[in-house]
């Protein structure tokens, strides 16, 4: 004999306990918790010392990658530096179709005491299902943030040049 369980909207055998009505909700929460494990990761990182003496070489490292799949790759990687606190800029690399991951290392000689040596990098991920996107996954604004080196798609790092 079966008895209707109004809380669950289904039938259950008499004498057996009803299942928890929120059982499906627990399963849904478990799926949501696992969702970040499947999220796309796009990376753009710059590493440089926080301070340095004037006129000495510093090591700068740029790392970028995507795991989006479906053909997405690093479509553009542009890196520039300034030794006069951003008044003038010198190009380090302007690369296209770099692949899924890239690391670039540069040696830059710092400017005068009291200035800042700046490094800026920008990346556009292309050829995937998301279209042309930045490291946050947002559509690239070619005439705005891309041209003006805004964040994103650009990242900046500064090294303060201290007196000896």
C-alpha atoms as a PDB file:
ATOM      1  CA  UNK A   1       0.000   0.000   0.000  1.00  0.00           C
ATOM      2  CA  UNK A   2       1.231   3.476  -0.818  1.00  0.00           C
ATOM      3  CA  UNK A   3       0.464   6.771   0.839  1.00  0.00           C
ATOM      4  CA  UNK A   4       0.574  10.185  -0.796  1.00  0.00           C
ATOM      5  CA  UNK A   5       3.276  12.417   0.699  1.00  0.00           C
ATOM      6  CA  UNK A   6       1.915  15.915   0.265  1.00  0.00           C
ATOM      7  CA  UNK A   7       5.183  17.594   1.263  1.00  0.00           C
ATOM      8  CA  UNK A   8       7.005  15.923  -1.601  1.00  0.00           C
ATOM      9  CA  UNK A   9       4.128  15.700  -4.055  1.00  0.00           C
ATOM     10  CA  UNK A  10       4.828  11.992  -4.588  1.00  0.00           C
ATOM     11  CA  UNK A  11       3.883   8.556  -3.277  1.00  0.00           C
ATOM     12  CA  UNK A  12       5.931   6.573  -0.781  1.00  0.00           C
ATOM     13  CA  UNK A  13       5.446   3.146   0.751  1.00  0.00           C
ATOM     14  CA  UNK A  14       3.621   3.211   4.110  1.00  0.00           C
ATOM     15  CA  UNK A  15       5.960   2.845   7.028  1.00  0.00           C
ATOM     16  CA  UNK A  16       8.988   4.291   5.216  1.00  0.00           C
ATOM     17  CA  UNK A  17      10.178   7.744   6.223  1.00  0.00           C
ATOM     18  CA  UNK A  18       9.706  10.609   3.807  1.00  0.00           C
ATOM     19  CA  UNK A  19      12.840  11.903   2.124  1.00  0.00           C
ATOM     20  CA  UNK A  20      13.990  15.400   2.848  1.00  0.00           C
ATOM     21  CA  UNK A  21      12.143  17.860   0.617  1.00  0.00           C
ATOM     22  CA  UNK A  22      15.307  20.005   0.213  1.00  0.00           C
ATOM     23  CA  UNK A  23      17.424  17.081  -1.008  1.00  0.00           C
ATOM     24  CA  UNK A  24      17.436  18.486  -4.596  1.00  0.00           C
ATOM     25  CA  UNK A  25      18.526  21.875  -3.260  1.00  0.00           C
ATOM     26  CA  UNK A  26      21.590  20.334  -1.610  1.00  0.00           C
ATOM     27  CA  UNK A  27      22.552  18.761  -4.927  1.00  0.00           C
ATOM     28  CA  UNK A  28      22.115  22.101  -6.719  1.00  0.00           C
ATOM     29  CA  UNK A  29      24.293  23.862  -4.130  1.00  0.00           C
ATOM     30  CA  UNK A  30      26.983  21.231  -4.570  1.00  0.00           C
ATOM     31  CA  UNK A  31      26.984  21.883  -8.324  1.00  0.00           C
ATOM     32  CA  UNK A  32      27.246  25.637  -7.773  1.00  0.00           C
ATOM     33  CA  UNK A  33      30.164  25.148  -5.397  1.00  0.00           C
ATOM     34  CA  UNK A  34      31.975  23.107  -8.025  1.00  0.00           C
ATOM     35  CA  UNK A  35      31.345  25.689 -10.779  1.00  0.00           C
ATOM     36  CA  UNK A  36      34.499  27.785 -10.084  1.00  0.00           C
ATOM     37  CA  UNK A  37      36.576  24.691 -10.794  1.00  0.00           C
ATOM     38  CA  UNK A  38      35.337  24.901 -14.390  1.00  0.00           C
ATOM     39  CA  UNK A  39      35.767  28.680 -14.779  1.00  0.00           C
ATOM     40  CA  UNK A  40      38.009  30.069 -17.511  1.00  0.00           C
ATOM     41  CA  UNK A  41      41.265  31.566 -16.290  1.00  0.00           C
ATOM     42  CA  UNK A  42      42.915  34.359 -18.224  1.00  0.00           C
ATOM     43  CA  UNK A  43      46.079  35.740 -16.665  1.00  0.00           C
ATOM     44  CA  UNK A  44      48.240  38.837 -17.089  1.00  0.00           C
ATOM     45  CA  UNK A  45      50.908  39.371 -14.438  1.00  0.00           C
ATOM     46  CA  UNK A  46      53.882  41.728 -14.222  1.00  0.00           C
ATOM     47  CA  UNK A  47      56.674  41.296 -11.670  1.00  0.00           C
ATOM     48  CA  UNK A  48      59.282  43.979 -10.960  1.00  0.00           C
ATOM     49  CA  UNK A  49      61.085  45.249  -7.855  1.00  0.00           C
ATOM     50  CA  UNK A  50      59.268  47.897  -5.788  1.00  0.00           C
ATOM     51  CA  UNK A  51      62.378  50.094  -5.594  1.00  0.00           C
ATOM     52  CA  UNK A  52      65.876  50.304  -7.044  1.00  0.00           C
ATOM     53  CA  UNK A  53      68.885  52.596  -7.256  1.00  0.00           C
ATOM     54  CA  UNK A  54      69.251  54.997 -10.213  1.00  0.00           C
ATOM     55  CA  UNK A  55      70.915  53.746 -13.389  1.00  0.00           C
ATOM     56  CA  UNK A  56      70.903  50.045 -12.487  1.00  0.00           C
ATOM     57  CA  UNK A  57      69.330  47.190 -14.426  1.00  0.00           C
ATOM     58  CA  UNK A  58      66.160  45.653 -12.974  1.00  0.00           C
ATOM     59  CA  UNK A  59      64.546  42.402 -14.052  1.00  0.00           C
ATOM     60  CA  UNK A  60      60.919  42.514 -15.186  1.00  0.00           C
ATOM     61  CA  UNK A  61      58.801  39.465 -15.918  1.00  0.00           C
ATOM     62  CA  UNK A  62      55.497  39.314 -17.812  1.00  0.00           C
ATOM     63  CA  UNK A  63      53.315  36.198 -17.699  1.00  0.00           C
ATOM     64  CA  UNK A  64      50.066  35.678 -19.570  1.00  0.00           C
ATOM     65  CA  UNK A  65      47.909  32.644 -20.311  1.00  0.00           C
ATOM     66  CA  UNK A  66      44.442  31.369 -21.137  1.00  0.00           C
ATOM     67  CA  UNK A  67      42.803  28.014 -20.543  1.00  0.00           C
ATOM     68  CA  UNK A  68      39.546  28.891 -22.328  1.00  0.00           C
ATOM     69  CA  UNK A  69      40.060  26.305 -25.060  1.00  0.00           C
ATOM     70  CA  UNK A  70      38.000  26.346 -28.272  1.00  0.00           C
ATOM     71  CA  UNK A  71      40.905  27.986 -30.125  1.00  0.00           C
ATOM     72  CA  UNK A  72      41.305  30.992 -27.832  1.00  0.00           C
ATOM     73  CA  UNK A  73      44.882  32.240 -27.650  1.00  0.00           C
ATOM     74  CA  UNK A  74      46.879  35.327 -26.787  1.00  0.00           C
ATOM     75  CA  UNK A  75      46.123  37.422 -29.843  1.00  0.00           C
ATOM     76  CA  UNK A  76      48.122  40.491 -28.804  1.00  0.00           C
ATOM     77  CA  UNK A  77      50.766  41.016 -26.132  1.00  0.00           C
ATOM     78  CA  UNK A  78      52.144  44.548 -25.883  1.00  0.00           C
ATOM     79  CA  UNK A  79      54.722  45.662 -23.307  1.00  0.00           C
ATOM     80  CA  UNK A  80      56.241  49.145 -22.864  1.00  0.00           C
ATOM     81  CA  UNK A  81      58.352  50.875 -20.221  1.00  0.00           C
ATOM     82  CA  UNK A  82      59.152  54.394 -19.070  1.00  0.00           C
ATOM     83  CA  UNK A  83      62.151  55.535 -17.023  1.00  0.00           C
ATOM     84  CA  UNK A  84      60.823  59.090 -16.569  1.00  0.00           C
ATOM     85  CA  UNK A  85      57.617  58.475 -14.581  1.00  0.00           C
ATOM     86  CA  UNK A  86      55.499  57.995 -17.718  1.00  0.00           C
ATOM     87  CA  UNK A  87      56.403  61.083 -19.762  1.00  0.00           C
ATOM     88  CA  UNK A  88      57.908  58.935 -22.553  1.00  0.00           C
ATOM     89  CA  UNK A  89      57.499  55.257 -23.394  1.00  0.00           C
ATOM     90  CA  UNK A  90      59.706  52.670 -25.087  1.00  0.00           C
ATOM     91  CA  UNK A  91      58.351  49.445 -26.577  1.00  0.00           C
ATOM     92  CA  UNK A  92      59.640  46.103 -25.319  1.00  0.00           C
ATOM     93  CA  UNK A  93      57.434  43.776 -27.349  1.00  0.00           C
ATOM     94  CA  UNK A  94      54.456  43.927 -29.679  1.00  0.00           C
ATOM     95  CA  UNK A  95      53.586  40.315 -30.404  1.00  0.00           C
ATOM     96  CA  UNK A  96      50.666  38.631 -32.164  1.00  0.00           C
ATOM     97  CA  UNK A  97      49.315  35.082 -31.987  1.00  0.00           C
ATOM     98  CA  UNK A  98      51.550  34.109 -29.095  1.00  0.00           C
ATOM     99  CA  UNK A  99      49.756  30.853 -28.229  1.00  0.00           C
ATOM    100  CA  UNK A 100      48.032  29.794 -25.015  1.00  0.00           C
ATOM    101  CA  UNK A 101      50.729  30.929 -22.612  1.00  0.00           C
ATOM    102  CA  UNK A 102      53.775  33.183 -22.661  1.00  0.00           C
ATOM    103  CA  UNK A 103      56.445  34.449 -20.304  1.00  0.00           C
ATOM    104  CA  UNK A 104      58.732  37.314 -21.242  1.00  0.00           C
ATOM    105  CA  UNK A 105      61.686  38.606 -19.226  1.00  0.00           C
ATOM    106  CA  UNK A 106      63.354  41.966 -19.721  1.00  0.00           C
ATOM    107  CA  UNK A 107      66.209  43.904 -18.182  1.00  0.00           C
ATOM    108  CA  UNK A 108      65.521  47.632 -17.914  1.00  0.00           C
ATOM    109  CA  UNK A 109      67.938  50.270 -16.641  1.00  0.00           C
ATOM    110  CA  UNK A 110      66.241  52.598 -14.149  1.00  0.00           C
ATOM    111  CA  UNK A 111      66.056  56.358 -14.569  1.00  0.00           C
ATOM    112  CA  UNK A 112      67.163  59.224 -12.332  1.00  0.00           C
ATOM    113  CA  UNK A 113      66.777  59.312  -8.540  1.00  0.00           C
ATOM    114  CA  UNK A 114      63.283  60.418  -7.552  1.00  0.00           C
ATOM    115  CA  UNK A 115      61.668  59.112 -10.754  1.00  0.00           C
ATOM    116  CA  UNK A 116      59.599  56.004 -11.312  1.00  0.00           C
ATOM    117  CA  UNK A 117      60.375  53.262 -13.786  1.00  0.00           C
ATOM    118  CA  UNK A 118      57.008  52.081 -15.087  1.00  0.00           C
ATOM    119  CA  UNK A 119      56.170  48.941 -17.022  1.00  0.00           C
ATOM    120  CA  UNK A 120      52.803  48.400 -18.646  1.00  0.00           C
ATOM    121  CA  UNK A 121      51.492  45.349 -20.452  1.00  0.00           C
ATOM    122  CA  UNK A 122      48.237  44.655 -22.226  1.00  0.00           C
ATOM    123  CA  UNK A 123      46.824  41.492 -23.686  1.00  0.00           C
ATOM    124  CA  UNK A 124      43.903  40.621 -25.936  1.00  0.00           C
ATOM    125  CA  UNK A 125      42.671  37.053 -26.038  1.00  0.00           C
ATOM    126  CA  UNK A 126      41.272  36.166 -29.479  1.00  0.00           C
ATOM    127  CA  UNK A 127      39.866  33.460 -31.732  1.00  0.00           C
ATOM    128  CA  UNK A 128      37.784  31.768 -29.045  1.00  0.00           C
ATOM    129  CA  UNK A 129      34.017  31.615 -28.569  1.00  0.00           C
ATOM    130  CA  UNK A 130      34.103  34.750 -26.347  1.00  0.00           C
ATOM    131  CA  UNK A 131      35.519  36.938 -29.140  1.00  0.00           C
ATOM    132  CA  UNK A 132      38.195  39.557 -28.371  1.00  0.00           C
ATOM    133  CA  UNK A 133      38.361  39.757 -24.572  1.00  0.00           C
ATOM    134  CA  UNK A 134      40.643  41.084 -21.826  1.00  0.00           C
ATOM    135  CA  UNK A 135      41.972  39.173 -18.814  1.00  0.00           C
ATOM    136  CA  UNK A 136      38.644  39.705 -16.992  1.00  0.00           C
ATOM    137  CA  UNK A 137      36.732  38.156 -19.921  1.00  0.00           C
ATOM    138  CA  UNK A 138      35.130  41.487 -20.925  1.00  0.00           C
ATOM    139  CA  UNK A 139      34.928  42.549 -24.568  1.00  0.00           C
ATOM    140  CA  UNK A 140      37.918  44.634 -25.673  1.00  0.00           C
ATOM    141  CA  UNK A 141      37.075  48.312 -26.192  1.00  0.00           C
ATOM    142  CA  UNK A 142      39.541  48.949 -29.004  1.00  0.00           C
ATOM    143  CA  UNK A 143      38.962  52.713 -29.246  1.00  0.00           C
ATOM    144  CA  UNK A 144      38.836  53.312 -25.496  1.00  0.00           C
ATOM    145  CA  UNK A 145      40.600  51.229 -22.851  1.00  0.00           C
ATOM    146  CA  UNK A 146      42.911  49.482 -25.343  1.00  0.00           C
ATOM    147  CA  UNK A 147      44.224  52.709 -26.885  1.00  0.00           C
ATOM    148  CA  UNK A 148      44.536  54.480 -23.541  1.00  0.00           C
ATOM    149  CA  UNK A 149      46.237  51.571 -21.686  1.00  0.00           C
ATOM    150  CA  UNK A 150      43.451  51.455 -19.103  1.00  0.00           C
ATOM    151  CA  UNK A 151      42.862  48.610 -16.659  1.00  0.00           C
ATOM    152  CA  UNK A 152      41.814  46.127 -18.039  1.00  0.00           C
ATOM    153  CA  UNK A 153      43.132  45.168 -20.597  1.00  0.00           C
ATOM    154  CA  UNK A 154      46.379  46.685 -19.273  1.00  0.00           C
ATOM    155  CA  UNK A 155      48.307  46.146 -16.062  1.00  0.00           C
ATOM    156  CA  UNK A 156      50.970  48.474 -14.699  1.00  0.00           C
ATOM    157  CA  UNK A 157      53.821  48.126 -12.235  1.00  0.00           C
ATOM    158  CA  UNK A 158      56.142  50.799 -10.885  1.00  0.00           C
ATOM    159  CA  UNK A 159      59.632  50.759  -9.463  1.00  0.00           C
ATOM    160  CA  UNK A 160      60.505  53.802  -7.373  1.00  0.00           C
ATOM    161  CA  UNK A 161      64.041  54.972  -8.099  1.00  0.00           C
ATOM    162  CA  UNK A 162      65.703  55.837  -4.780  1.00  0.00           C
ATOM    163  CA  UNK A 163      68.823  57.919  -4.207  1.00  0.00           C
ATOM    164  CA  UNK A 164      71.910  55.781  -3.644  1.00  0.00           C
END
